[in-house]
């Protein structure tokens, strides 16, 4: 790998690291432990996940979305129009899952968990569920970044015999395809787990 390519790759790795730090799960300690009205919920989620926006004007979570999640039994209904900390935790899970899974699959996954742990006063609750997922996601972040870097290095070695003026575009295309195939394979695995483990629990 020549010096220019190496410098470019370092920049991409740094950019990926910065992006990764902005899209990670919301820290449990930053979630308010008081009940919130709808507008406060959407403002909180929008503020916490601002780094996930592709465009500044994008809406991450709207009142219509939240109402639909409740209507579709993904989210337990609010109490007197107020949402608890556990509601926020569920909404965060839904936000991340909806980017790759159908509403039906999210329902299959979340419903048995919320049925057992939402508002549970006799043992573990949704806060404990979220804290455990947050812990393992933090641990996995470095591994994910290394995998991104590995795929990037592979993409830079492709299309060597193509015209020089096209190689930057083709390397980017190769990188996108590698990442997309990875997402596709993981999505297939997730759907298989949903079908085998969660479907009968709805």
N, C-alpha and C. Protein backbone atom coordinates (compact mmCIF):
# COMPACT_ATOMS: atom_id res chain seq x y z
N UNK A 1 0.86 -1.19 0.00
CA UNK A 1 0.00 0.00 0.00
C UNK A 1 0.89 1.24 0.00
N UNK A 2 0.69 2.17 -0.97
CA UNK A 2 1.56 3.34 -1.03
C UNK A 2 1.19 4.34 0.06
N UNK A 3 2.07 5.38 0.19
CA UNK A 3 1.92 6.32 1.30
C UNK A 3 0.61 7.10 1.25
N UNK A 4 0.21 7.54 0.04
CA UNK A 4 -1.03 8.31 -0.10
C UNK A 4 -2.25 7.49 0.29
N UNK A 5 -2.29 6.23 -0.17
CA UNK A 5 -3.40 5.34 0.16
C UNK A 5 -3.44 5.08 1.66
N UNK A 6 -2.25 4.90 2.25
CA UNK A 6 -2.17 4.64 3.69
C UNK A 6 -2.70 5.84 4.47
N UNK A 7 -2.33 7.07 4.06
CA UNK A 7 -2.82 8.27 4.74
C UNK A 7 -4.34 8.40 4.58
N UNK A 8 -4.82 8.09 3.39
CA UNK A 8 -6.26 8.15 3.14
C UNK A 8 -7.00 7.16 4.04
N UNK A 9 -6.43 5.97 4.17
CA UNK A 9 -7.07 4.95 4.99
C UNK A 9 -7.10 5.38 6.46
N UNK A 10 -6.02 6.00 6.92
CA UNK A 10 -5.99 6.49 8.30
C UNK A 10 -7.09 7.53 8.54
N UNK A 11 -7.29 8.40 7.56
CA UNK A 11 -8.34 9.41 7.68
C UNK A 11 -9.71 8.76 7.76
N UNK A 12 -9.94 7.74 6.91
CA UNK A 12 -11.22 7.04 6.93
C UNK A 12 -11.44 6.36 8.28
N UNK A 13 -10.40 5.76 8.83
CA UNK A 13 -10.51 5.10 10.14
C UNK A 13 -10.87 6.11 11.22
N UNK A 14 -10.20 7.28 11.19
CA UNK A 14 -10.49 8.33 12.18
C UNK A 14 -11.93 8.81 12.04
N UNK A 15 -12.36 9.03 10.79
CA UNK A 15 -13.74 9.47 10.55
C UNK A 15 -14.74 8.43 11.04
N UNK A 16 -14.42 7.15 10.80
CA UNK A 16 -15.30 6.07 11.25
C UNK A 16 -15.39 6.05 12.78
N UNK A 17 -14.25 6.25 13.42
CA UNK A 17 -14.24 6.26 14.89
C UNK A 17 -15.09 7.39 15.44
N UNK A 18 -14.95 8.58 14.84
CA UNK A 18 -15.76 9.72 15.28
C UNK A 18 -17.24 9.45 15.06
N UNK A 19 -17.59 8.88 13.91
CA UNK A 19 -18.99 8.57 13.61
C UNK A 19 -19.52 7.52 14.57
N UNK A 20 -18.69 6.51 14.85
CA UNK A 20 -19.10 5.44 15.75
C UNK A 20 -19.42 5.97 17.13
N UNK A 21 -18.64 6.96 17.56
CA UNK A 21 -18.86 7.55 18.88
C UNK A 21 -20.16 8.34 18.96
N UNK A 22 -20.66 8.80 17.81
CA UNK A 22 -21.89 9.60 17.82
C UNK A 22 -23.14 8.75 17.64
N UNK A 23 -22.99 7.50 17.15
CA UNK A 23 -24.19 6.71 16.90
C UNK A 23 -24.35 5.54 17.87
N UNK A 24 -23.50 5.49 18.88
CA UNK A 24 -23.63 4.40 19.83
C UNK A 24 -24.91 4.53 20.64
N UNK A 25 -25.25 3.49 21.37
CA UNK A 25 -26.43 3.53 22.21
C UNK A 25 -26.34 4.69 23.20
N UNK A 26 -27.50 5.23 23.52
CA UNK A 26 -27.57 6.31 24.51
C UNK A 26 -27.17 5.75 25.87
N UNK A 27 -26.28 6.47 26.54
CA UNK A 27 -25.83 6.03 27.86
C UNK A 27 -27.02 5.97 28.82
N UNK A 28 -27.19 4.86 29.54
CA UNK A 28 -28.33 4.74 30.47
C UNK A 28 -28.42 5.87 31.48
N UNK A 29 -27.25 6.39 31.89
CA UNK A 29 -27.23 7.44 32.90
C UNK A 29 -27.77 8.77 32.38
N UNK A 30 -27.82 8.93 31.04
CA UNK A 30 -28.30 10.19 30.48
C UNK A 30 -29.81 10.19 30.24
N UNK A 31 -30.47 9.06 30.49
CA UNK A 31 -31.91 8.96 30.26
C UNK A 31 -32.66 9.46 31.50
N UNK A 32 -33.54 10.44 31.35
CA UNK A 32 -34.24 10.99 32.51
C UNK A 32 -35.08 9.94 33.25
N UNK A 33 -35.04 10.02 34.55
CA UNK A 33 -35.78 9.06 35.38
C UNK A 33 -37.11 9.66 35.84
N UNK A 34 -37.66 10.53 35.00
CA UNK A 34 -38.96 11.13 35.28
C UNK A 34 -39.87 10.89 34.09
N UNK A 35 -41.17 11.03 34.31
CA UNK A 35 -42.11 10.83 33.22
C UNK A 35 -42.14 12.06 32.32
N UNK A 36 -42.25 11.80 31.01
CA UNK A 36 -42.20 12.88 30.02
C UNK A 36 -43.44 12.87 29.14
N UNK A 37 -43.82 14.05 28.68
CA UNK A 37 -44.88 14.15 27.67
C UNK A 37 -44.28 13.87 26.30
N UNK A 38 -45.15 13.65 25.32
CA UNK A 38 -44.73 13.28 23.98
C UNK A 38 -43.67 14.22 23.41
N UNK A 39 -43.92 15.54 23.48
CA UNK A 39 -42.96 16.51 22.92
C UNK A 39 -41.59 16.40 23.59
N UNK A 40 -41.59 16.13 24.88
CA UNK A 40 -40.33 15.99 25.61
C UNK A 40 -39.60 14.72 25.18
N UNK A 41 -40.36 13.68 24.90
CA UNK A 41 -39.76 12.41 24.44
C UNK A 41 -39.07 12.60 23.09
N UNK A 42 -39.80 13.20 22.13
CA UNK A 42 -39.22 13.39 20.80
C UNK A 42 -38.01 14.33 20.85
N UNK A 43 -38.07 15.35 21.69
CA UNK A 43 -36.94 16.27 21.83
C UNK A 43 -35.72 15.56 22.42
N UNK A 44 -35.96 14.72 23.42
CA UNK A 44 -34.85 14.00 24.06
C UNK A 44 -34.18 13.06 23.06
N UNK A 45 -34.97 12.24 22.38
CA UNK A 45 -34.42 11.27 21.43
C UNK A 45 -33.68 12.01 20.30
N UNK A 46 -34.29 13.07 19.80
CA UNK A 46 -33.69 13.82 18.71
C UNK A 46 -32.35 14.42 19.14
N UNK A 47 -32.30 14.92 20.35
CA UNK A 47 -31.05 15.50 20.85
C UNK A 47 -29.97 14.47 21.08
N UNK A 48 -30.34 13.33 21.64
CA UNK A 48 -29.38 12.30 21.96
C UNK A 48 -28.82 11.61 20.72
N UNK A 49 -29.65 11.47 19.70
CA UNK A 49 -29.24 10.73 18.49
C UNK A 49 -28.97 11.66 17.30
N UNK A 50 -28.69 12.91 17.61
CA UNK A 50 -28.47 13.89 16.54
C UNK A 50 -27.34 13.46 15.60
N UNK A 51 -26.33 12.80 16.16
CA UNK A 51 -25.20 12.36 15.35
C UNK A 51 -25.57 11.29 14.34
N UNK A 52 -26.74 10.67 14.51
CA UNK A 52 -27.18 9.63 13.58
C UNK A 52 -27.85 10.18 12.33
N UNK A 53 -28.17 11.48 12.37
CA UNK A 53 -28.88 12.07 11.24
C UNK A 53 -27.99 12.14 10.01
N UNK A 54 -28.57 11.76 8.89
CA UNK A 54 -27.84 11.90 7.63
C UNK A 54 -27.93 13.34 7.14
N UNK A 55 -29.12 13.93 7.31
CA UNK A 55 -29.36 15.32 6.95
C UNK A 55 -29.87 16.07 8.17
N UNK A 56 -29.51 17.32 8.29
CA UNK A 56 -29.85 18.09 9.49
C UNK A 56 -31.35 18.15 9.74
N UNK A 57 -32.14 18.18 8.66
CA UNK A 57 -33.59 18.32 8.82
C UNK A 57 -34.30 17.00 9.09
N UNK A 58 -33.58 15.89 9.09
CA UNK A 58 -34.20 14.58 9.32
C UNK A 58 -34.84 14.51 10.71
N UNK A 59 -35.99 13.82 10.77
CA UNK A 59 -36.66 13.58 12.05
C UNK A 59 -36.42 12.12 12.44
N UNK A 60 -35.84 11.92 13.60
CA UNK A 60 -35.51 10.56 14.04
C UNK A 60 -36.72 9.85 14.63
N UNK A 61 -37.55 10.62 15.31
CA UNK A 61 -38.71 10.04 15.97
C UNK A 61 -39.80 11.09 16.01
N UNK A 62 -40.97 10.77 15.50
CA UNK A 62 -42.08 11.72 15.47
C UNK A 62 -43.23 11.22 16.35
N UNK A 63 -44.17 12.12 16.62
CA UNK A 63 -45.36 11.73 17.38
C UNK A 63 -46.12 10.63 16.67
N UNK A 64 -46.22 10.73 15.35
CA UNK A 64 -46.93 9.71 14.57
C UNK A 64 -46.27 8.36 14.72
N UNK A 65 -44.93 8.32 14.66
CA UNK A 65 -44.21 7.06 14.83
C UNK A 65 -44.51 6.44 16.19
N UNK A 66 -44.42 7.26 17.22
CA UNK A 66 -44.63 6.74 18.58
C UNK A 66 -46.06 6.23 18.74
N UNK A 67 -47.02 6.97 18.23
CA UNK A 67 -48.42 6.52 18.30
C UNK A 67 -48.61 5.20 17.55
N UNK A 68 -47.94 5.07 16.40
CA UNK A 68 -48.04 3.82 15.63
C UNK A 68 -47.39 2.65 16.37
N UNK A 69 -46.28 2.91 17.05
CA UNK A 69 -45.63 1.84 17.82
C UNK A 69 -46.55 1.35 18.93
N UNK A 70 -47.24 2.29 19.57
CA UNK A 70 -48.19 1.90 20.62
C UNK A 70 -49.37 1.14 20.03
N UNK A 71 -49.87 1.65 18.90
CA UNK A 71 -51.01 1.01 18.23
C UNK A 71 -50.68 -0.41 17.77
N UNK A 72 -49.44 -0.61 17.34
CA UNK A 72 -49.00 -1.93 16.87
C UNK A 72 -48.44 -2.81 17.98
N UNK A 73 -48.60 -2.36 19.24
CA UNK A 73 -48.23 -3.15 20.40
C UNK A 73 -46.71 -3.36 20.53
N UNK A 74 -45.93 -2.46 19.91
CA UNK A 74 -44.48 -2.51 20.10
C UNK A 74 -44.09 -1.79 21.37
N UNK A 75 -44.88 -0.79 21.72
CA UNK A 75 -44.59 0.05 22.87
C UNK A 75 -45.78 0.04 23.82
N UNK A 76 -45.56 -0.26 25.10
CA UNK A 76 -46.67 -0.19 26.06
C UNK A 76 -47.26 1.22 26.07
N UNK A 77 -48.57 1.35 26.24
CA UNK A 77 -49.20 2.68 26.21
C UNK A 77 -48.72 3.57 27.34
N UNK A 78 -48.70 4.87 27.11
CA UNK A 78 -48.30 5.81 28.17
C UNK A 78 -49.37 5.85 29.27
N UNK A 79 -48.98 6.32 30.43
CA UNK A 79 -49.91 6.47 31.54
C UNK A 79 -50.25 7.95 31.67
N UNK A 80 -51.53 8.27 31.43
CA UNK A 80 -51.99 9.66 31.45
C UNK A 80 -51.14 10.54 30.54
N UNK A 81 -50.86 10.00 29.34
CA UNK A 81 -50.10 10.71 28.30
C UNK A 81 -48.65 10.97 28.67
N UNK A 82 -48.16 10.27 29.68
CA UNK A 82 -46.77 10.44 30.10
C UNK A 82 -45.99 9.14 29.87
N UNK A 83 -44.73 9.32 29.46
CA UNK A 83 -43.86 8.19 29.13
C UNK A 83 -42.76 8.08 30.18
N UNK A 84 -42.55 6.85 30.64
CA UNK A 84 -41.55 6.59 31.68
C UNK A 84 -40.17 6.36 31.07
N UNK A 85 -39.19 6.18 31.93
CA UNK A 85 -37.83 5.86 31.48
C UNK A 85 -37.84 4.56 30.68
N UNK A 86 -38.67 3.60 31.10
CA UNK A 86 -38.74 2.32 30.39
C UNK A 86 -39.34 2.49 28.99
N UNK A 87 -40.27 3.42 28.84
CA UNK A 87 -40.78 3.74 27.50
C UNK A 87 -39.64 4.24 26.60
N UNK A 88 -38.81 5.12 27.15
CA UNK A 88 -37.69 5.65 26.38
C UNK A 88 -36.73 4.54 25.97
N UNK A 89 -36.47 3.62 26.87
CA UNK A 89 -35.58 2.49 26.57
C UNK A 89 -36.14 1.66 25.41
N UNK A 90 -37.44 1.39 25.46
CA UNK A 90 -38.08 0.63 24.38
C UNK A 90 -37.99 1.39 23.06
N UNK A 91 -38.20 2.70 23.11
CA UNK A 91 -38.14 3.50 21.89
C UNK A 91 -36.73 3.49 21.28
N UNK A 92 -35.73 3.48 22.13
CA UNK A 92 -34.34 3.43 21.63
C UNK A 92 -34.09 2.09 20.92
N UNK A 93 -34.55 1.00 21.53
CA UNK A 93 -34.42 -0.31 20.87
C UNK A 93 -35.13 -0.30 19.51
N UNK A 94 -36.35 0.21 19.52
CA UNK A 94 -37.14 0.25 18.28
C UNK A 94 -36.42 1.08 17.21
N UNK A 95 -35.86 2.20 17.63
CA UNK A 95 -35.16 3.09 16.68
C UNK A 95 -34.05 2.34 15.95
N UNK A 96 -33.24 1.61 16.70
CA UNK A 96 -32.12 0.90 16.06
C UNK A 96 -32.60 -0.29 15.24
N UNK A 97 -33.57 -1.03 15.76
CA UNK A 97 -34.04 -2.23 15.06
C UNK A 97 -34.78 -1.91 13.77
N UNK A 98 -35.50 -0.79 13.75
CA UNK A 98 -36.35 -0.49 12.58
C UNK A 98 -35.53 -0.18 11.33
N UNK A 99 -34.26 0.08 11.50
CA UNK A 99 -33.41 0.36 10.35
C UNK A 99 -33.11 -0.89 9.52
N UNK A 100 -33.28 -2.06 10.14
CA UNK A 100 -32.99 -3.29 9.39
C UNK A 100 -34.10 -4.34 9.45
N UNK A 101 -35.04 -4.18 10.37
CA UNK A 101 -36.08 -5.20 10.54
C UNK A 101 -37.47 -4.63 10.31
N UNK A 102 -38.39 -5.51 9.96
CA UNK A 102 -39.79 -5.10 9.77
C UNK A 102 -40.44 -4.87 11.13
N UNK A 103 -41.54 -4.13 11.12
CA UNK A 103 -42.30 -3.90 12.35
C UNK A 103 -42.75 -5.23 12.96
N UNK A 104 -43.13 -6.15 12.10
CA UNK A 104 -43.56 -7.48 12.57
C UNK A 104 -42.44 -8.20 13.32
N UNK A 105 -41.23 -8.15 12.77
CA UNK A 105 -40.10 -8.80 13.43
C UNK A 105 -39.74 -8.11 14.74
N UNK A 106 -39.81 -6.78 14.74
CA UNK A 106 -39.52 -6.05 15.98
C UNK A 106 -40.53 -6.42 17.06
N UNK A 107 -41.79 -6.54 16.65
CA UNK A 107 -42.83 -6.96 17.59
C UNK A 107 -42.52 -8.34 18.16
N UNK A 108 -42.11 -9.25 17.29
CA UNK A 108 -41.77 -10.62 17.73
C UNK A 108 -40.64 -10.61 18.76
N UNK A 109 -39.67 -9.72 18.56
CA UNK A 109 -38.51 -9.66 19.45
C UNK A 109 -38.83 -8.95 20.76
N UNK A 110 -39.47 -7.79 20.67
CA UNK A 110 -39.66 -6.96 21.85
C UNK A 110 -40.83 -7.36 22.74
N UNK A 111 -41.90 -7.85 22.13
CA UNK A 111 -43.12 -8.12 22.88
C UNK A 111 -42.90 -9.07 24.06
N UNK A 112 -42.23 -10.23 23.86
CA UNK A 112 -42.03 -11.11 25.02
C UNK A 112 -41.14 -10.50 26.09
N UNK A 113 -40.26 -9.59 25.68
CA UNK A 113 -39.37 -8.94 26.64
C UNK A 113 -40.13 -7.88 27.44
N UNK A 114 -40.92 -7.04 26.74
CA UNK A 114 -41.69 -6.02 27.47
C UNK A 114 -42.78 -6.67 28.32
N UNK A 115 -43.37 -7.76 27.83
CA UNK A 115 -44.40 -8.45 28.63
C UNK A 115 -43.84 -8.90 29.98
N UNK A 116 -42.59 -9.33 29.98
CA UNK A 116 -42.01 -9.89 31.20
C UNK A 116 -41.29 -8.85 32.05
N UNK A 117 -40.64 -7.88 31.41
CA UNK A 117 -39.75 -6.99 32.16
C UNK A 117 -40.20 -5.55 32.28
N UNK A 118 -41.13 -5.09 31.42
CA UNK A 118 -41.58 -3.70 31.50
C UNK A 118 -42.40 -3.50 32.78
N UNK A 119 -41.94 -2.58 33.62
CA UNK A 119 -42.65 -2.30 34.86
C UNK A 119 -42.53 -3.38 35.91
N UNK A 120 -41.59 -4.30 35.72
CA UNK A 120 -41.43 -5.40 36.67
C UNK A 120 -40.84 -4.87 37.99
N UNK A 121 -41.52 -5.12 39.08
CA UNK A 121 -41.08 -4.63 40.38
C UNK A 121 -40.44 -5.74 41.23
N UNK A 122 -40.47 -6.96 40.73
CA UNK A 122 -40.03 -8.09 41.55
C UNK A 122 -38.67 -8.65 41.13
N UNK A 123 -37.98 -7.98 40.25
CA UNK A 123 -36.68 -8.50 39.80
C UNK A 123 -36.12 -7.61 38.72
N UNK A 124 -35.54 -8.20 37.70
CA UNK A 124 -34.97 -7.42 36.61
C UNK A 124 -36.07 -6.70 35.82
N UNK A 125 -35.71 -5.50 35.32
CA UNK A 125 -36.67 -4.73 34.53
C UNK A 125 -36.02 -4.27 33.23
N UNK A 126 -36.68 -3.38 32.50
CA UNK A 126 -36.17 -2.92 31.22
C UNK A 126 -34.86 -2.15 31.36
N UNK A 127 -34.67 -1.49 32.49
CA UNK A 127 -33.40 -0.80 32.71
C UNK A 127 -32.24 -1.78 32.75
N UNK A 128 -32.47 -2.93 33.39
CA UNK A 128 -31.42 -3.96 33.45
C UNK A 128 -31.14 -4.54 32.06
N UNK A 129 -32.21 -4.75 31.28
CA UNK A 129 -32.05 -5.26 29.91
C UNK A 129 -31.21 -4.28 29.10
N UNK A 130 -31.58 -3.01 29.15
CA UNK A 130 -30.87 -1.98 28.38
C UNK A 130 -29.41 -1.86 28.82
N UNK A 131 -29.17 -1.87 30.12
CA UNK A 131 -27.81 -1.72 30.64
C UNK A 131 -26.91 -2.85 30.14
N UNK A 132 -27.45 -4.06 30.08
CA UNK A 132 -26.65 -5.20 29.62
C UNK A 132 -26.33 -5.07 28.13
N UNK A 133 -27.32 -4.66 27.32
CA UNK A 133 -27.07 -4.47 25.89
C UNK A 133 -26.09 -3.32 25.68
N UNK A 134 -26.24 -2.24 26.43
CA UNK A 134 -25.33 -1.10 26.33
C UNK A 134 -23.90 -1.55 26.63
N UNK A 135 -23.74 -2.39 27.65
CA UNK A 135 -22.40 -2.87 28.04
C UNK A 135 -21.73 -3.64 26.92
N UNK A 136 -22.46 -4.59 26.31
CA UNK A 136 -21.82 -5.39 25.27
C UNK A 136 -21.59 -4.60 23.99
N UNK A 137 -22.47 -3.61 23.71
CA UNK A 137 -22.26 -2.77 22.53
C UNK A 137 -21.00 -1.93 22.69
N UNK A 138 -20.76 -1.42 23.87
CA UNK A 138 -19.55 -0.64 24.12
C UNK A 138 -18.31 -1.51 23.90
N UNK A 139 -18.37 -2.74 24.35
CA UNK A 139 -17.23 -3.65 24.21
C UNK A 139 -16.97 -4.02 22.75
N UNK A 140 -18.03 -4.08 21.95
CA UNK A 140 -17.91 -4.51 20.55
C UNK A 140 -17.49 -3.39 19.61
N UNK A 141 -17.59 -2.14 20.04
CA UNK A 141 -17.34 -1.02 19.14
C UNK A 141 -15.96 -1.08 18.49
N UNK A 142 -14.93 -1.40 19.26
CA UNK A 142 -13.58 -1.45 18.72
C UNK A 142 -13.46 -2.55 17.68
N UNK A 143 -14.08 -3.70 17.95
CA UNK A 143 -14.03 -4.82 16.99
C UNK A 143 -14.72 -4.44 15.68
N UNK A 144 -15.84 -3.74 15.79
CA UNK A 144 -16.57 -3.31 14.60
C UNK A 144 -15.71 -2.36 13.77
N UNK A 145 -15.04 -1.43 14.43
CA UNK A 145 -14.18 -0.49 13.73
C UNK A 145 -13.05 -1.21 12.99
N UNK A 146 -12.46 -2.21 13.63
CA UNK A 146 -11.39 -2.98 12.98
C UNK A 146 -11.91 -3.71 11.75
N UNK A 147 -13.14 -4.22 11.85
CA UNK A 147 -13.73 -4.92 10.70
C UNK A 147 -14.00 -3.95 9.55
N UNK A 148 -14.44 -2.74 9.87
CA UNK A 148 -14.62 -1.71 8.84
C UNK A 148 -13.30 -1.44 8.13
N UNK A 149 -12.24 -1.31 8.94
CA UNK A 149 -10.92 -1.01 8.38
C UNK A 149 -10.42 -2.14 7.49
N UNK A 150 -10.66 -3.37 7.91
CA UNK A 150 -10.23 -4.53 7.12
C UNK A 150 -10.92 -4.55 5.77
N UNK A 151 -12.23 -4.31 5.78
CA UNK A 151 -12.98 -4.29 4.51
C UNK A 151 -12.52 -3.14 3.62
N UNK A 152 -12.19 -2.01 4.25
CA UNK A 152 -11.71 -0.88 3.48
C UNK A 152 -10.39 -1.24 2.78
N UNK A 153 -9.49 -1.89 3.52
CA UNK A 153 -8.20 -2.29 2.94
C UNK A 153 -8.41 -3.25 1.77
N UNK A 154 -9.35 -4.17 1.91
CA UNK A 154 -9.65 -5.11 0.83
C UNK A 154 -10.16 -4.37 -0.40
N UNK A 155 -11.06 -3.41 -0.17
CA UNK A 155 -11.64 -2.67 -1.30
C UNK A 155 -10.59 -1.88 -2.07
N UNK A 156 -9.55 -1.41 -1.38
CA UNK A 156 -8.52 -0.61 -2.03
C UNK A 156 -7.64 -1.46 -2.97
N UNK A 157 -7.72 -2.78 -2.83
CA UNK A 157 -6.92 -3.67 -3.68
C UNK A 157 -7.70 -4.15 -4.90
N UNK A 158 -8.95 -3.74 -5.03
CA UNK A 158 -9.78 -4.21 -6.15
C UNK A 158 -9.60 -3.32 -7.38
N UNK A 159 -10.02 -3.86 -8.53
CA UNK A 159 -10.05 -3.12 -9.80
C UNK A 159 -8.70 -2.54 -10.19
N UNK A 160 -7.63 -3.28 -9.89
CA UNK A 160 -6.28 -2.76 -10.16
C UNK A 160 -6.01 -2.53 -11.65
N UNK A 161 -6.66 -3.32 -12.53
CA UNK A 161 -6.39 -3.19 -13.96
C UNK A 161 -7.40 -2.28 -14.67
N UNK A 162 -8.23 -1.58 -13.91
CA UNK A 162 -9.20 -0.65 -14.50
C UNK A 162 -8.54 0.73 -14.66
N UNK A 163 -9.14 1.60 -15.48
CA UNK A 163 -8.56 2.94 -15.68
C UNK A 163 -8.37 3.68 -14.35
N UNK A 164 -7.24 4.38 -14.23
CA UNK A 164 -6.90 5.09 -13.00
C UNK A 164 -7.98 6.09 -12.59
N UNK A 165 -8.56 6.76 -13.60
CA UNK A 165 -9.54 7.80 -13.29
C UNK A 165 -10.84 7.24 -12.70
N UNK A 166 -11.06 5.92 -12.85
CA UNK A 166 -12.27 5.28 -12.34
C UNK A 166 -12.06 4.58 -11.01
N UNK A 167 -10.81 4.45 -10.59
CA UNK A 167 -10.52 3.57 -9.45
C UNK A 167 -11.09 4.08 -8.12
N UNK A 168 -11.07 5.38 -7.89
CA UNK A 168 -11.62 5.89 -6.64
C UNK A 168 -13.10 5.53 -6.51
N UNK A 169 -13.85 5.74 -7.60
CA UNK A 169 -15.27 5.41 -7.61
C UNK A 169 -15.48 3.90 -7.44
N UNK A 170 -14.66 3.09 -8.13
CA UNK A 170 -14.82 1.64 -8.07
C UNK A 170 -14.42 1.09 -6.71
N UNK A 171 -13.40 1.69 -6.09
CA UNK A 171 -13.03 1.27 -4.73
C UNK A 171 -14.16 1.56 -3.75
N UNK A 172 -14.78 2.72 -3.91
CA UNK A 172 -15.92 3.07 -3.05
C UNK A 172 -17.08 2.10 -3.27
N UNK A 173 -17.32 1.77 -4.54
CA UNK A 173 -18.37 0.81 -4.87
C UNK A 173 -18.07 -0.55 -4.25
N UNK A 174 -16.82 -0.97 -4.35
CA UNK A 174 -16.40 -2.25 -3.77
C UNK A 174 -16.60 -2.25 -2.25
N UNK A 175 -16.24 -1.15 -1.62
CA UNK A 175 -16.39 -1.03 -0.16
C UNK A 175 -17.86 -1.10 0.24
N UNK A 176 -18.71 -0.39 -0.49
CA UNK A 176 -20.15 -0.41 -0.22
C UNK A 176 -20.70 -1.82 -0.38
N UNK A 177 -20.27 -2.53 -1.43
CA UNK A 177 -20.75 -3.89 -1.65
C UNK A 177 -20.32 -4.84 -0.53
N UNK A 178 -19.08 -4.70 -0.07
CA UNK A 178 -18.60 -5.53 1.04
C UNK A 178 -19.42 -5.29 2.30
N UNK A 179 -19.66 -4.01 2.61
CA UNK A 179 -20.44 -3.67 3.80
C UNK A 179 -21.89 -4.13 3.65
N UNK A 180 -22.44 -3.98 2.45
CA UNK A 180 -23.84 -4.36 2.20
C UNK A 180 -24.02 -5.86 2.31
N UNK A 181 -23.06 -6.61 1.81
CA UNK A 181 -23.16 -8.07 1.90
C UNK A 181 -23.10 -8.51 3.36
N UNK A 182 -22.26 -7.83 4.13
CA UNK A 182 -22.16 -8.13 5.56
C UNK A 182 -23.49 -7.88 6.25
N UNK A 183 -24.12 -6.74 5.93
CA UNK A 183 -25.45 -6.42 6.50
C UNK A 183 -26.48 -7.45 6.06
N UNK A 184 -26.43 -7.83 4.77
CA UNK A 184 -27.38 -8.81 4.24
C UNK A 184 -27.27 -10.14 4.98
N UNK A 185 -26.05 -10.62 5.17
CA UNK A 185 -25.84 -11.90 5.86
C UNK A 185 -26.33 -11.82 7.31
N UNK A 186 -26.03 -10.71 7.97
CA UNK A 186 -26.47 -10.55 9.36
C UNK A 186 -27.99 -10.45 9.45
N UNK A 187 -28.59 -9.78 8.48
CA UNK A 187 -30.05 -9.67 8.46
C UNK A 187 -30.68 -11.05 8.28
N UNK A 188 -30.11 -11.88 7.42
CA UNK A 188 -30.60 -13.24 7.23
C UNK A 188 -30.53 -14.03 8.53
N UNK A 189 -29.41 -13.88 9.24
CA UNK A 189 -29.24 -14.58 10.52
C UNK A 189 -30.25 -14.08 11.55
N UNK A 190 -30.45 -12.76 11.62
CA UNK A 190 -31.41 -12.19 12.57
C UNK A 190 -32.81 -12.73 12.29
N UNK A 191 -33.21 -12.73 11.02
CA UNK A 191 -34.55 -13.20 10.66
C UNK A 191 -34.73 -14.68 10.99
N UNK A 192 -33.66 -15.46 10.83
CA UNK A 192 -33.71 -16.89 11.18
C UNK A 192 -33.92 -17.06 12.69
N UNK A 193 -33.20 -16.25 13.48
CA UNK A 193 -33.35 -16.31 14.94
C UNK A 193 -34.75 -15.89 15.36
N UNK A 194 -35.27 -14.83 14.72
CA UNK A 194 -36.64 -14.37 15.02
C UNK A 194 -37.64 -15.50 14.75
N UNK A 195 -37.49 -16.15 13.59
CA UNK A 195 -38.42 -17.22 13.22
C UNK A 195 -38.32 -18.42 14.16
N UNK A 196 -37.10 -18.76 14.56
CA UNK A 196 -36.89 -19.98 15.36
C UNK A 196 -37.09 -19.78 16.86
N UNK A 197 -36.78 -18.58 17.34
CA UNK A 197 -36.78 -18.36 18.80
C UNK A 197 -37.96 -17.51 19.27
N UNK A 198 -38.30 -16.46 18.52
CA UNK A 198 -39.25 -15.49 19.03
C UNK A 198 -40.68 -15.62 18.50
N UNK A 199 -40.85 -16.17 17.30
CA UNK A 199 -42.18 -16.18 16.70
C UNK A 199 -43.23 -16.85 17.56
N UNK A 200 -42.91 -17.97 18.17
CA UNK A 200 -43.88 -18.68 18.98
C UNK A 200 -44.17 -18.02 20.31
N UNK A 201 -43.41 -16.97 20.63
CA UNK A 201 -43.60 -16.30 21.92
C UNK A 201 -44.52 -15.12 21.84
N UNK A 202 -44.94 -14.76 20.61
CA UNK A 202 -45.81 -13.58 20.46
C UNK A 202 -47.14 -13.78 21.17
